[in-house]
Amino acid sequence: MLASSFSFWDAIWLMIVFFAWIMFFTWVVRRLIDNFRRSNHSGWAKAAWALFSIFLRIIGAVTYTIARPARAGGYEGYGHGSESSTSTAEELSRLSDLRAQGAISDAEFEDLKARTIASS
């Protein structure tokens, strides 16, 4: 009985609505994760954004997305290692200078040199 009134296009529309809700839920959860990962927000700011995003889902998520700068940063210690712009040769030169100044010993130099070469 139910199948006779549920057309193919009703099924398509149901899938579109279902996946739209999945995308919306994912977007809100990603905004919450982004909020709590930021180190340049205080605890009260994180709590306020979280409550705003939970209770006023659409308005909260849109506002957070617009208010947050594109390159906000503030993720220290979350696997976003410092992207060094120095080459391996520059790093080895810096280590050699530190050894010549006496800031590091020969053993430390060899260890740091091996790490630098291994990471490149």
C-alpha atoms as a PDB file:
ATOM      1  CA  MET A   1       0.000   0.000   0.000  1.00  0.00           C
ATOM      2  CA  LEU A   2       2.771   2.428   0.944  1.00  0.00           C
ATOM      3  CA  ALA A   3       4.871   1.503  -2.072  1.00  0.00           C
ATOM      4  CA  SER A   4       2.093   2.393  -4.485  1.00  0.00           C
ATOM      5  CA  SER A   5       2.007   6.019  -3.284  1.00  0.00           C
ATOM      6  CA  PHE A   6       5.817   6.431  -3.038  1.00  0.00           C
ATOM      7  CA  SER A   7       7.116   7.261  -6.510  1.00  0.00           C
ATOM      8  CA  PHE A   8      10.638   7.135  -7.880  1.00  0.00           C
ATOM      9  CA  TRP A   9      10.927  10.932  -7.634  1.00  0.00           C
ATOM     10  CA  ASP A  10       9.809  10.817  -4.008  1.00  0.00           C
ATOM     11  CA  ALA A  11      12.718   8.455  -3.348  1.00  0.00           C
ATOM     12  CA  ILE A  12      15.135  10.773  -5.162  1.00  0.00           C
ATOM     13  CA  TRP A  13      13.867  13.763  -3.174  1.00  0.00           C
ATOM     14  CA  LEU A  14      14.182  11.790   0.078  1.00  0.00           C
ATOM     15  CA  MET A  15      17.827  10.973  -0.734  1.00  0.00           C
ATOM     16  CA  ILE A  16      18.594  14.622  -1.580  1.00  0.00           C
ATOM     17  CA  VAL A  17      17.084  15.828   1.694  1.00  0.00           C
ATOM     18  CA  PHE A  18      18.823  13.076   3.667  1.00  0.00           C
ATOM     19  CA  PHE A  19      22.257  13.897   2.255  1.00  0.00           C
ATOM     20  CA  ALA A  20      21.660  17.633   2.671  1.00  0.00           C
ATOM     21  CA  TRP A  21      21.094  16.980   6.387  1.00  0.00           C
ATOM     22  CA  ILE A  22      24.252  14.870   6.525  1.00  0.00           C
ATOM     23  CA  MET A  23      26.253  17.698   4.895  1.00  0.00           C
ATOM     24  CA  PHE A  24      24.747  20.267   7.265  1.00  0.00           C
ATOM     25  CA  PHE A  25      25.485  18.128  10.328  1.00  0.00           C
ATOM     26  CA  THR A  26      29.060  17.574   9.126  1.00  0.00           C
ATOM     27  CA  TRP A  27      29.506  21.328   8.586  1.00  0.00           C
ATOM     28  CA  VAL A  28      28.275  22.172  12.102  1.00  0.00           C
ATOM     29  CA  VAL A  29      30.471  19.490  13.689  1.00  0.00           C
ATOM     30  CA  ARG A  30      33.524  20.737  11.740  1.00  0.00           C
ATOM     31  CA  ARG A  31      32.824  24.294  12.968  1.00  0.00           C
ATOM     32  CA  LEU A  32      32.692  23.007  16.547  1.00  0.00           C
ATOM     33  CA  ILE A  33      35.944  21.066  16.102  1.00  0.00           C
ATOM     34  CA  ASP A  34      37.587  24.133  14.566  1.00  0.00           C
ATOM     35  CA  ASN A  35      36.371  26.258  17.459  1.00  0.00           C
ATOM     36  CA  PHE A  36      37.796  23.969  20.139  1.00  0.00           C
ATOM     37  CA  ARG A  37      41.123  23.454  18.355  1.00  0.00           C
ATOM     38  CA  ARG A  38      41.906  27.164  18.198  1.00  0.00           C
ATOM     39  CA  SER A  39      44.400  28.321  20.792  1.00  0.00           C
ATOM     40  CA  ASN A  40      43.743  32.030  20.225  1.00  0.00           C
ATOM     41  CA  HIS A  41      40.223  31.778  21.719  1.00  0.00           C
ATOM     42  CA  SER A  42      39.651  31.948  25.439  1.00  0.00           C
ATOM     43  CA  GLY A  43      37.621  29.266  27.162  1.00  0.00           C
ATOM     44  CA  TRP A  44      34.615  31.591  27.431  1.00  0.00           C
ATOM     45  CA  ALA A  45      34.771  32.413  23.721  1.00  0.00           C
ATOM     46  CA  LYS A  46      34.893  28.714  22.866  1.00  0.00           C
ATOM     47  CA  ALA A  47      31.928  28.022  25.143  1.00  0.00           C
ATOM     48  CA  ALA A  48      29.930  30.918  23.683  1.00  0.00           C
ATOM     49  CA  TRP A  49      30.592  29.836  20.091  1.00  0.00           C
ATOM     50  CA  ALA A  50      29.740  26.231  20.965  1.00  0.00           C
ATOM     51  CA  LEU A  51      26.436  27.164  22.606  1.00  0.00           C
ATOM     52  CA  PHE A  52      25.616  29.538  19.758  1.00  0.00           C
ATOM     53  CA  SER A  53      26.345  26.801  17.197  1.00  0.00           C
ATOM     54  CA  ILE A  54      24.415  24.132  19.097  1.00  0.00           C
ATOM     55  CA  PHE A  55      21.250  26.049  19.927  1.00  0.00           C
ATOM     56  CA  LEU A  56      21.051  28.219  16.810  1.00  0.00           C
ATOM     57  CA  ARG A  57      22.592  25.748  14.382  1.00  0.00           C
ATOM     58  CA  ILE A  58      22.208  27.521  11.057  1.00  0.00           C
ATOM     59  CA  ILE A  59      22.778  31.065  12.317  1.00  0.00           C
ATOM     60  CA  GLY A  60      25.642  29.961  14.581  1.00  0.00           C
ATOM     61  CA  ALA A  61      27.479  27.991  11.909  1.00  0.00           C
ATOM     62  CA  VAL A  62      27.043  30.701   9.260  1.00  0.00           C
ATOM     63  CA  THR A  63      28.149  33.427  11.686  1.00  0.00           C
ATOM     64  CA  TYR A  64      31.208  31.446  12.794  1.00  0.00           C
ATOM     65  CA  THR A  65      32.138  30.690   9.185  1.00  0.00           C
ATOM     66  CA  ILE A  66      31.876  34.376   8.219  1.00  0.00           C
ATOM     67  CA  ALA A  67      33.469  35.796  11.391  1.00  0.00           C
ATOM     68  CA  ARG A  68      36.464  33.459  11.348  1.00  0.00           C
ATOM     69  CA  PRO A  69      39.277  34.722   9.113  1.00  0.00           C
ATOM     70  CA  ALA A  70      40.338  32.432   6.288  1.00  0.00           C
ATOM     71  CA  ARG A  71      43.846  32.137   7.709  1.00  0.00           C
ATOM     72  CA  ALA A  72      43.033  32.300  11.394  1.00  0.00           C
ATOM     73  CA  GLY A  73      45.680  29.821  12.486  1.00  0.00           C
ATOM     74  CA  GLY A  74      45.974  29.189  16.188  1.00  0.00           C
ATOM     75  CA  TYR A  75      46.353  25.389  15.975  1.00  0.00           C
ATOM     76  CA  GLU A  76      49.595  24.887  17.893  1.00  0.00           C
ATOM     77  CA  GLY A  77      50.185  21.277  18.833  1.00  0.00           C
ATOM     78  CA  TYR A  78      47.569  19.692  16.578  1.00  0.00           C
ATOM     79  CA  GLY A  79      49.702  17.989  13.953  1.00  0.00           C
ATOM     80  CA  HIS A  80      50.127  21.061  11.796  1.00  0.00           C
ATOM     81  CA  GLY A  81      53.886  21.048  12.077  1.00  0.00           C
ATOM     82  CA  SER A  82      55.733  24.247  11.464  1.00  0.00           C
ATOM     83  CA  GLU A  83      56.233  24.529   7.755  1.00  0.00           C
ATOM     84  CA  SER A  84      59.835  25.565   7.482  1.00  0.00           C
ATOM     85  CA  SER A  85      60.835  27.532   4.422  1.00  0.00           C
ATOM     86  CA  THR A  86      64.519  26.702   4.864  1.00  0.00           C
ATOM     87  CA  SER A  87      66.139  24.089   2.689  1.00  0.00           C
ATOM     88  CA  THR A  88      68.224  21.220   3.984  1.00  0.00           C
ATOM     89  CA  ALA A  89      71.408  22.997   2.900  1.00  0.00           C
ATOM     90  CA  GLU A  90      70.436  26.160   4.801  1.00  0.00           C
ATOM     91  CA  GLU A  91      69.615  24.137   7.908  1.00  0.00           C
ATOM     92  CA  LEU A  92      72.948  22.300   7.734  1.00  0.00           C
ATOM     93  CA  SER A  93      74.741  25.618   7.295  1.00  0.00           C
ATOM     94  CA  ARG A  94      72.973  26.996  10.373  1.00  0.00           C
ATOM     95  CA  LEU A  95      73.941  23.899  12.372  1.00  0.00           C
ATOM     96  CA  SER A  96      77.563  24.267  11.214  1.00  0.00           C
ATOM     97  CA  ASP A  97      77.559  27.899  12.361  1.00  0.00           C
ATOM     98  CA  LEU A  98      76.184  26.867  15.757  1.00  0.00           C
ATOM     99  CA  ARG A  99      78.943  24.264  16.099  1.00  0.00           C
ATOM    100  CA  ALA A 100      81.603  26.813  15.097  1.00  0.00           C
ATOM    101  CA  GLN A 101      80.273  29.232  17.742  1.00  0.00           C
ATOM    102  CA  GLY A 102      80.412  26.483  20.352  1.00  0.00           C
ATOM    103  CA  ALA A 103      76.661  26.522  20.978  1.00  0.00           C
ATOM    104  CA  ILE A 104      76.408  22.782  20.234  1.00  0.00           C
ATOM    105  CA  SER A 105      78.938  19.975  20.594  1.00  0.00           C
ATOM    106  CA  ASP A 106      80.224  17.768  17.791  1.00  0.00           C
ATOM    107  CA  ALA A 107      78.001  14.906  18.953  1.00  0.00           C
ATOM    108  CA  GLU A 108      74.917  17.170  18.984  1.00  0.00           C
ATOM    109  CA  PHE A 109      75.865  18.475  15.547  1.00  0.00           C
ATOM    110  CA  GLU A 110      76.103  14.948  14.124  1.00  0.00           C
ATOM    111  CA  ASP A 111      72.775  13.988  15.692  1.00  0.00           C
ATOM    112  CA  LEU A 112      70.991  17.108  14.404  1.00  0.00           C
ATOM    113  CA  LYS A 113      72.601  16.700  11.009  1.00  0.00           C
ATOM    114  CA  ALA A 114      71.344  13.110  10.758  1.00  0.00           C
ATOM    115  CA  ARG A 115      67.819  14.230  11.783  1.00  0.00           C
ATOM    116  CA  THR A 116      67.841  17.072   9.247  1.00  0.00           C
ATOM    117  CA  ILE A 117      68.959  14.814   6.415  1.00  0.00           C
ATOM    118  CA  ALA A 118      66.451  12.123   7.421  1.00  0.00           C
ATOM    119  CA  SER A 119      63.553  14.592   7.508  1.00  0.00           C
ATOM    120  CA  SER A 120      64.236  15.941   4.010  1.00  0.00           C
END
